Amino acid sequence: EIRAGPNRDELFQDIDSSSIRAHEPLEFKRRVMCDYGQSLGSSSRLIPCTILAYSYNERQSYYVLGMIDGKVRHHELPMARIRPIVSLSSALEDEFERLTSLDAQRYDDSNHLQLRGVVELYDDTRSYSAAPLIITSYNEDGKIDLYHTFSTTHVPGIDPAIVRPYHTYGDGMDALCKVVKLRKERVTPCTIVSHSITKTGSVSYQVSYLNEGKTLQKFLPFTDVQRILKKKD
């Protein structure tokens, strides 16, 4: 048996163990259904949403962007209320198109994509690198809450005047990459080889880096790559 729901108060019995999988955090801009119903089992109010970030804390929640009553809203929802989509009906596809149309792609003068909903936060005089941060909410006082993708931490109450728009990194750019070796994460210098854009508007990078004297290449989500602004002395 399995206990589920935001308060672990809903019981599912006689579950086939072969159908149980460990949860892998859903990627940025993944299309899902968000359950705003009174009960997890009832699914009385499923709203089309896109994933912003996984919380990586004891709450086991997601930051999501959804359209509720005709308005786009930021929310934090328990993981149990996020429903990955297996297939899309034409009507549901239209709902997601309405949501993503407000997140249209923009390119700068160098033809680099501006990734909407993602920013950089750095000081020109002191910062050596700039990590991508995801906007998780807009506050009534005008400040914004951010999610630091590299350190997987929440950064609340930031003045929007000090954040910069995020643009895709150019080929050959020096960066820092978060890679996994023997199930352990490490940060290593790397070089951008190329980038690709998914249908939903997220970005991944092909990067090269040295590992024990050998040059390796792999694809990483943009959340695991941060550009170097200037070399350390």
C-alpha atoms as a PDB file:
ATOM      1  CA  GLU A   1       0.000   0.000   0.000  1.00  0.00           C
ATOM      2  CA  ILE A   2       1.034   3.602  -0.625  1.00  0.00           C
ATOM      3  CA  ARG A   3       0.076   6.793   1.172  1.00  0.00           C
ATOM      4  CA  ALA A   4      -0.218   9.787  -1.137  1.00  0.00           C
ATOM      5  CA  GLY A   5      -1.589  13.294  -1.299  1.00  0.00           C
ATOM      6  CA  PRO A   6      -0.263  16.564   0.119  1.00  0.00           C
ATOM      7  CA  ASN A   7      -0.755  15.327   3.703  1.00  0.00           C
ATOM      8  CA  ARG A   8      -0.076  11.635   2.996  1.00  0.00           C
ATOM      9  CA  ASP A   9      -3.671  11.000   4.048  1.00  0.00           C
ATOM     10  CA  GLU A  10      -4.902   9.095   0.989  1.00  0.00           C
ATOM     11  CA  LEU A  11      -4.349   5.364   0.881  1.00  0.00           C
ATOM     12  CA  PHE A  12      -3.790   3.295  -2.268  1.00  0.00           C
ATOM     13  CA  GLN A  13      -3.827  -0.469  -1.717  1.00  0.00           C
ATOM     14  CA  ASP A  14      -2.808  -3.530  -3.767  1.00  0.00           C
ATOM     15  CA  ILE A  15      -0.305  -1.617  -5.908  1.00  0.00           C
ATOM     16  CA  ASP A  16       1.777  -3.757  -8.249  1.00  0.00           C
ATOM     17  CA  SER A  17       5.400  -3.123  -7.256  1.00  0.00           C
ATOM     18  CA  SER A  18       6.488  -3.407 -10.910  1.00  0.00           C
ATOM     19  CA  SER A  19       4.583  -0.198 -11.679  1.00  0.00           C
ATOM     20  CA  ILE A  20       6.429   1.861  -9.043  1.00  0.00           C
ATOM     21  CA  ARG A  21       9.292   4.081 -10.205  1.00  0.00           C
ATOM     22  CA  ALA A  22      11.619   6.415  -8.302  1.00  0.00           C
ATOM     23  CA  HIS A  23      10.730  10.053  -8.913  1.00  0.00           C
ATOM     24  CA  GLU A  24      13.025  11.934 -11.274  1.00  0.00           C
ATOM     25  CA  PRO A  25      12.568  15.748 -11.098  1.00  0.00           C
ATOM     26  CA  LEU A  26      10.694  17.048 -14.141  1.00  0.00           C
ATOM     27  CA  GLU A  27      12.589  19.400 -16.410  1.00  0.00           C
ATOM     28  CA  PHE A  28      12.016  23.126 -16.919  1.00  0.00           C
ATOM     29  CA  LYS A  29       8.951  23.920 -19.072  1.00  0.00           C
ATOM     30  CA  ARG A  30       7.689  20.329 -19.008  1.00  0.00           C
ATOM     31  CA  ARG A  31       3.946  20.321 -19.671  1.00  0.00           C
ATOM     32  CA  VAL A  32       1.919  18.827 -16.814  1.00  0.00           C
ATOM     33  CA  MET A  33      -1.501  18.979 -15.238  1.00  0.00           C
ATOM     34  CA  CYS A  34      -1.719  20.623 -11.815  1.00  0.00           C
ATOM     35  CA  ASP A  35      -4.328  19.240  -9.440  1.00  0.00           C
ATOM     36  CA  TYR A  36      -6.167  21.997  -7.558  1.00  0.00           C
ATOM     37  CA  GLY A  37      -8.987  19.692  -6.427  1.00  0.00           C
ATOM     38  CA  GLN A  38     -10.032  19.189  -2.824  1.00  0.00           C
ATOM     39  CA  SER A  39      -8.895  15.573  -2.966  1.00  0.00           C
ATOM     40  CA  LEU A  40      -5.987  14.006  -4.837  1.00  0.00           C
ATOM     41  CA  GLY A  41      -8.223  11.128  -5.889  1.00  0.00           C
ATOM     42  CA  SER A  42     -11.049  13.309  -7.209  1.00  0.00           C
ATOM     43  CA  SER A  43      -8.968  15.419  -9.647  1.00  0.00           C
ATOM     44  CA  SER A  44     -11.879  17.854  -9.597  1.00  0.00           C
ATOM     45  CA  ARG A  45      -9.797  20.734 -10.967  1.00  0.00           C
ATOM     46  CA  LEU A  46      -6.900  19.912 -13.260  1.00  0.00           C
ATOM     47  CA  ILE A  47      -5.159  22.972 -14.717  1.00  0.00           C
ATOM     48  CA  PRO A  48      -2.575  22.964 -17.563  1.00  0.00           C
ATOM     49  CA  CYS A  49       0.794  24.051 -16.112  1.00  0.00           C
ATOM     50  CA  THR A  50       4.440  24.145 -17.032  1.00  0.00           C
ATOM     51  CA  ILE A  51       7.243  23.206 -14.656  1.00  0.00           C
ATOM     52  CA  LEU A  52       9.566  25.964 -13.481  1.00  0.00           C
ATOM     53  CA  ALA A  53      11.687  24.091 -10.937  1.00  0.00           C
ATOM     54  CA  TYR A  54      11.724  21.300  -8.368  1.00  0.00           C
ATOM     55  CA  SER A  55      12.187  22.529  -4.794  1.00  0.00           C
ATOM     56  CA  TYR A  56      14.827  19.972  -3.698  1.00  0.00           C
ATOM     57  CA  ASN A  57      13.769  20.417  -0.078  1.00  0.00           C
ATOM     58  CA  GLU A  58      11.754  18.556   2.521  1.00  0.00           C
ATOM     59  CA  ARG A  59       8.507  19.922   1.044  1.00  0.00           C
ATOM     60  CA  GLN A  60       9.040  17.913  -2.176  1.00  0.00           C
ATOM     61  CA  SER A  61       7.217  20.531  -4.199  1.00  0.00           C
ATOM     62  CA  TYR A  62       7.338  22.133  -7.634  1.00  0.00           C
ATOM     63  CA  TYR A  63       7.262  25.741  -8.747  1.00  0.00           C
ATOM     64  CA  VAL A  64       4.831  25.913 -11.660  1.00  0.00           C
ATOM     65  CA  LEU A  65       3.282  28.382 -14.080  1.00  0.00           C
ATOM     66  CA  GLY A  66      -0.401  27.900 -14.838  1.00  0.00           C
ATOM     67  CA  MET A  67      -3.385  29.733 -16.281  1.00  0.00           C
ATOM     68  CA  ILE A  68      -6.177  30.037 -13.729  1.00  0.00           C
ATOM     69  CA  ASP A  69      -9.375  31.951 -14.481  1.00  0.00           C
ATOM     70  CA  GLY A  70      -7.732  33.467 -17.545  1.00  0.00           C
ATOM     71  CA  LYS A  71      -4.659  34.754 -15.710  1.00  0.00           C
ATOM     72  CA  VAL A  72      -1.127  33.329 -15.694  1.00  0.00           C
ATOM     73  CA  ARG A  73      -0.064  32.633 -12.126  1.00  0.00           C
ATOM     74  CA  HIS A  74       3.013  31.313 -10.317  1.00  0.00           C
ATOM     75  CA  HIS A  75       2.450  28.664  -7.677  1.00  0.00           C
ATOM     76  CA  GLU A  76       4.294  26.197  -5.491  1.00  0.00           C
ATOM     77  CA  LEU A  77       2.507  22.846  -5.391  1.00  0.00           C
ATOM     78  CA  PRO A  78       3.259  19.561  -3.608  1.00  0.00           C
ATOM     79  CA  MET A  79       4.790  16.942  -5.876  1.00  0.00           C
ATOM     80  CA  ALA A  80       1.711  14.764  -5.343  1.00  0.00           C
ATOM     81  CA  ARG A  81      -0.417  17.336  -7.171  1.00  0.00           C
ATOM     82  CA  ILE A  82       1.677  17.296 -10.351  1.00  0.00           C
ATOM     83  CA  ARG A  83       0.432  14.953 -13.089  1.00  0.00           C
ATOM     84  CA  PRO A  84       2.818  14.278 -16.010  1.00  0.00           C
ATOM     85  CA  ILE A  85       1.010  14.101 -19.346  1.00  0.00           C
ATOM     86  CA  VAL A  86       1.189  10.938 -21.427  1.00  0.00           C
ATOM     87  CA  SER A  87      -0.675  12.286 -24.473  1.00  0.00           C
ATOM     88  CA  LEU A  88      -2.354  15.562 -25.432  1.00  0.00           C
ATOM     89  CA  SER A  89      -5.828  15.997 -26.884  1.00  0.00           C
ATOM     90  CA  SER A  90      -6.313  18.808 -29.410  1.00  0.00           C
ATOM     91  CA  ALA A  91      -8.305  20.804 -26.845  1.00  0.00           C
ATOM     92  CA  LEU A  92      -5.544  20.433 -24.245  1.00  0.00           C
ATOM     93  CA  GLU A  93      -2.932  21.316 -26.841  1.00  0.00           C
ATOM     94  CA  ASP A  94      -4.837  24.576 -27.432  1.00  0.00           C
ATOM     95  CA  GLU A  95      -4.782  25.310 -23.692  1.00  0.00           C
ATOM     96  CA  PHE A  96      -1.021  24.891 -23.550  1.00  0.00           C
ATOM     97  CA  GLU A  97      -0.605  27.029 -26.662  1.00  0.00           C
ATOM     98  CA  ARG A  98      -2.471  29.832 -24.884  1.00  0.00           C
ATOM     99  CA  LEU A  99      -0.131  29.469 -21.930  1.00  0.00           C
ATOM    100  CA  THR A 100       3.088  29.343 -23.963  1.00  0.00           C
ATOM    101  CA  SER A 101       2.012  32.156 -26.313  1.00  0.00           C
ATOM    102  CA  LEU A 102       2.605  34.517 -23.400  1.00  0.00           C
ATOM    103  CA  ASP A 103       6.151  33.170 -23.233  1.00  0.00           C
ATOM    104  CA  ALA A 104       7.161  33.938 -26.816  1.00  0.00           C
ATOM    105  CA  GLN A 105      10.779  33.504 -27.843  1.00  0.00           C
ATOM    106  CA  ARG A 106      12.919  36.595 -28.376  1.00  0.00           C
ATOM    107  CA  TYR A 107      16.380  36.898 -29.889  1.00  0.00           C
ATOM    108  CA  ASP A 108      19.050  39.528 -29.259  1.00  0.00           C
ATOM    109  CA  ASP A 109      21.286  41.221 -31.830  1.00  0.00           C
ATOM    110  CA  SER A 110      23.668  38.233 -31.781  1.00  0.00           C
ATOM    111  CA  ASN A 111      20.774  35.859 -32.537  1.00  0.00           C
ATOM    112  CA  HIS A 112      20.912  34.366 -29.039  1.00  0.00           C
ATOM    113  CA  LEU A 113      17.570  33.251 -27.639  1.00  0.00           C
ATOM    114  CA  GLN A 114      16.289  35.102 -24.584  1.00  0.00           C
ATOM    115  CA  LEU A 115      14.889  32.363 -22.364  1.00  0.00           C
ATOM    116  CA  ARG A 116      11.770  33.843 -20.799  1.00  0.00           C
ATOM    117  CA  GLY A 117      11.270  33.210 -17.104  1.00  0.00           C
ATOM    118  CA  VAL A 118      15.035  32.808 -16.589  1.00  0.00           C
ATOM    119  CA  VAL A 119      17.443  35.527 -15.436  1.00  0.00           C
ATOM    120  CA  GLU A 120      21.024  36.078 -14.320  1.00  0.00           C
ATOM    121  CA  LEU A 121      22.074  37.827 -11.132  1.00  0.00           C
ATOM    122  CA  TYR A 122      25.585  39.210 -10.859  1.00  0.00           C
ATOM    123  CA  ASP A 123      27.753  42.212 -10.043  1.00  0.00           C
ATOM    124  CA  ASP A 124      29.813  43.477 -13.003  1.00  0.00           C
ATOM    125  CA  THR A 125      32.771  44.398 -10.796  1.00  0.00           C
ATOM    126  CA  ARG A 126      32.952  41.365  -8.497  1.00  0.00           C
ATOM    127  CA  SER A 127      31.286  38.339 -10.109  1.00  0.00           C
ATOM    128  CA  TYR A 128      33.328  35.740 -11.980  1.00  0.00           C
ATOM    129  CA  SER A 129      30.396  33.703 -13.259  1.00  0.00           C
ATOM    130  CA  ALA A 130      26.650  34.028 -13.799  1.00  0.00           C
ATOM    131  CA  ALA A 131      24.309  31.142 -13.056  1.00  0.00           C
ATOM    132  CA  PRO A 132      20.782  30.897 -14.470  1.00  0.00           C
ATOM    133  CA  LEU A 133      17.989  31.598 -11.990  1.00  0.00           C
ATOM    134  CA  ILE A 134      14.333  30.789 -12.593  1.00  0.00           C
ATOM    135  CA  ILE A 135      11.597  33.251 -11.644  1.00  0.00           C
ATOM    136  CA  THR A 136       9.215  31.410  -9.320  1.00  0.00           C
ATOM    137  CA  SER A 137       6.912  34.256  -8.255  1.00  0.00           C
ATOM    138  CA  TYR A 138       6.239  37.983  -8.419  1.00  0.00           C
ATOM    139  CA  ASN A 139       5.506  39.655  -5.069  1.00  0.00           C
ATOM    140  CA  GLU A 140       3.062  42.451  -4.321  1.00  0.00           C
ATOM    141  CA  ASP A 141       5.938  44.746  -3.289  1.00  0.00           C
ATOM    142  CA  GLY A 142       7.395  44.463  -6.807  1.00  0.00           C
ATOM    143  CA  LYS A 143      10.219  42.121  -5.847  1.00  0.00           C
ATOM    144  CA  ILE A 144      10.636  38.663  -7.316  1.00  0.00           C
ATOM    145  CA  ASP A 145      11.487  35.252  -5.910  1.00  0.00           C
ATOM    146  CA  LEU A 146      14.134  33.245  -7.737  1.00  0.00           C
ATOM    147  CA  TYR A 147      15.351  29.663  -7.791  1.00  0.00           C
ATOM    148  CA  HIS A 148      19.123  29.190  -8.133  1.00  0.00           C
ATOM    149  CA  THR A 149      19.476  26.196 -10.442  1.00  0.00           C
ATOM    150  CA  PHE A 150      23.145  25.512  -9.725  1.00  0.00           C
ATOM    151  CA  SER A 151      22.878  25.411  -5.937  1.00  0.00           C
ATOM    152  CA  THR A 152      19.186  24.292  -5.948  1.00  0.00           C
ATOM    153  CA  THR A 153      18.259  26.985  -3.428  1.00  0.00           C
ATOM    154  CA  HIS A 154      15.397  29.480  -3.168  1.00  0.00           C
ATOM    155  CA  VAL A 155      16.394  33.170  -3.414  1.00  0.00           C
ATOM    156  CA  PRO A 156      13.473  35.339  -2.232  1.00  0.00           C
ATOM    157  CA  GLY A 157      12.748  39.065  -2.397  1.00  0.00           C
ATOM    158  CA  ILE A 158      15.138  40.206  -5.150  1.00  0.00           C
ATOM    159  CA  ASP A 159      14.912  43.713  -6.591  1.00  0.00           C
ATOM    160  CA  PRO A 160      14.216  43.252 -10.339  1.00  0.00           C
ATOM    161  CA  ALA A 161      16.520  46.189 -11.089  1.00  0.00           C
ATOM    162  CA  ILE A 162      19.595  44.035 -10.404  1.00  0.00           C
ATOM    163  CA  VAL A 163      18.654  40.982 -12.486  1.00  0.00           C
ATOM    164  CA  ARG A 164      19.621  40.519 -16.134  1.00  0.00           C
ATOM    165  CA  PRO A 165      17.803  38.650 -18.910  1.00  0.00           C
ATOM    166  CA  TYR A 166      19.213  35.220 -19.728  1.00  0.00           C
ATOM    167  CA  HIS A 167      20.345  34.531 -23.296  1.00  0.00           C
ATOM    168  CA  THR A 168      21.596  31.251 -24.707  1.00  0.00           C
ATOM    169  CA  TYR A 169      25.357  30.908 -24.590  1.00  0.00           C
ATOM    170  CA  GLY A 170      27.389  31.171 -27.790  1.00  0.00           C
ATOM    171  CA  ASP A 171      29.572  28.398 -29.186  1.00  0.00           C
ATOM    172  CA  GLY A 172      33.073  28.430 -27.720  1.00  0.00           C
ATOM    173  CA  MET A 173      32.051  30.269 -24.538  1.00  0.00           C
ATOM    174  CA  ASP A 174      33.885  29.339 -21.315  1.00  0.00           C
ATOM    175  CA  ALA A 175      31.582  28.013 -18.631  1.00  0.00           C
ATOM    176  CA  LEU A 176      31.266  25.906 -15.504  1.00  0.00           C
ATOM    177  CA  CYS A 177      29.378  22.632 -15.819  1.00  0.00           C
ATOM    178  CA  LYS A 178      27.784  20.433 -13.199  1.00  0.00           C
ATOM    179  CA  VAL A 179      28.523  16.835 -14.178  1.00  0.00           C
ATOM    180  CA  VAL A 180      27.957  13.520 -12.438  1.00  0.00           C
ATOM    181  CA  LYS A 181      30.726  10.986 -11.899  1.00  0.00           C
ATOM    182  CA  LEU A 182      30.139   7.811  -9.909  1.00  0.00           C
ATOM    183  CA  ARG A 183      26.791   9.241  -8.777  1.00  0.00           C
ATOM    184  CA  LYS A 184      28.495  12.318  -7.318  1.00  0.00           C
ATOM    185  CA  GLU A 185      28.055  15.823  -8.694  1.00  0.00           C
ATOM    186  CA  ARG A 186      31.077  18.007  -9.358  1.00  0.00           C
ATOM    187  CA  VAL A 187      31.588  21.395 -10.982  1.00  0.00           C
ATOM    188  CA  THR A 188      34.244  21.557 -13.676  1.00  0.00           C
ATOM    189  CA  PRO A 189      35.406  24.101 -16.289  1.00  0.00           C
ATOM    190  CA  CYS A 190      33.874  23.405 -19.692  1.00  0.00           C
ATOM    191  CA  THR A 191      33.382  24.899 -23.146  1.00  0.00           C
ATOM    192  CA  ILE A 192      30.101  25.348 -25.010  1.00  0.00           C
ATOM    193  CA  VAL A 193      30.089  23.323 -28.240  1.00  0.00           C
ATOM    194  CA  SER A 194      26.508  23.985 -29.339  1.00  0.00           C
ATOM    195  CA  HIS A 195      22.993  24.370 -28.020  1.00  0.00           C
ATOM    196  CA  SER A 196      19.561  23.046 -28.949  1.00  0.00           C
ATOM    197  CA  ILE A 197      16.053  24.323 -28.226  1.00  0.00           C
ATOM    198  CA  THR A 198      13.204  21.992 -27.369  1.00  0.00           C
ATOM    199  CA  LYS A 199       9.652  22.322 -28.679  1.00  0.00           C
ATOM    200  CA  THR A 200       8.526  23.764 -25.353  1.00  0.00           C
ATOM    201  CA  GLY A 201      11.287  26.375 -25.396  1.00  0.00           C
ATOM    202  CA  SER A 202      13.847  24.946 -22.986  1.00  0.00           C
ATOM    203  CA  VAL A 203      17.554  24.763 -23.826  1.00  0.00           C
ATOM    204  CA  SER A 204      20.283  22.146 -23.574  1.00  0.00           C
ATOM    205  CA  TYR A 205      23.996  22.519 -24.259  1.00  0.00           C
ATOM    206  CA  GLN A 206      26.561  20.220 -25.761  1.00  0.00           C
ATOM    207  CA  VAL A 207      29.716  20.853 -23.742  1.00  0.00           C
ATOM    208  CA  SER A 208      33.280  19.578 -23.667  1.00  0.00           C
ATOM    209  CA  TYR A 209      35.407  19.193 -20.542  1.00  0.00           C
ATOM    210  CA  LEU A 210      38.494  17.412 -19.280  1.00  0.00           C
ATOM    211  CA  ASN A 211      38.162  14.280 -17.203  1.00  0.00           C
ATOM    212  CA  GLU A 212      41.383  12.617 -16.036  1.00  0.00           C
ATOM    213  CA  GLY A 213      43.257  14.088 -18.990  1.00  0.00           C
ATOM    214  CA  LYS A 214      40.678  13.093 -21.596  1.00  0.00           C
ATOM    215  CA  THR A 215      38.340  15.475 -23.407  1.00  0.00           C
ATOM    216  CA  LEU A 216      34.726  14.363 -23.048  1.00  0.00           C
ATOM    217  CA  GLN A 217      31.527  15.740 -24.514  1.00  0.00           C
ATOM    218  CA  LYS A 218      27.978  15.475 -23.215  1.00  0.00           C
ATOM    219  CA  PHE A 219      24.617  17.218 -23.298  1.00  0.00           C
ATOM    220  CA  LEU A 220      23.476  19.115 -20.209  1.00  0.00           C
ATOM    221  CA  PRO A 221      20.302  21.064 -19.408  1.00  0.00           C
ATOM    222  CA  PHE A 222      20.856  24.821 -19.225  1.00  0.00           C
ATOM    223  CA  THR A 223      20.283  24.600 -15.459  1.00  0.00           C
ATOM    224  CA  ASP A 224      23.609  22.760 -15.070  1.00  0.00           C
ATOM    225  CA  VAL A 225      25.716  25.276 -16.999  1.00  0.00           C
ATOM    226  CA  GLN A 226      26.805  28.764 -15.946  1.00  0.00           C
ATOM    227  CA  ARG A 227      28.895  31.120 -18.010  1.00  0.00           C
ATOM    228  CA  ILE A 228      32.206  32.560 -16.894  1.00  0.00           C
ATOM    229  CA  LEU A 229      32.247  36.363 -16.946  1.00  0.00           C
ATOM    230  CA  LYS A 230      35.986  36.795 -16.397  1.00  0.00           C
ATOM    231  CA  LYS A 231      38.929  34.640 -15.445  1.00  0.00           C
ATOM    232  CA  LYS A 232      40.072  34.608 -11.854  1.00  0.00           C
ATOM    233  CA  ASP A 233      43.517  36.089 -11.210  1.00  0.00           C
END
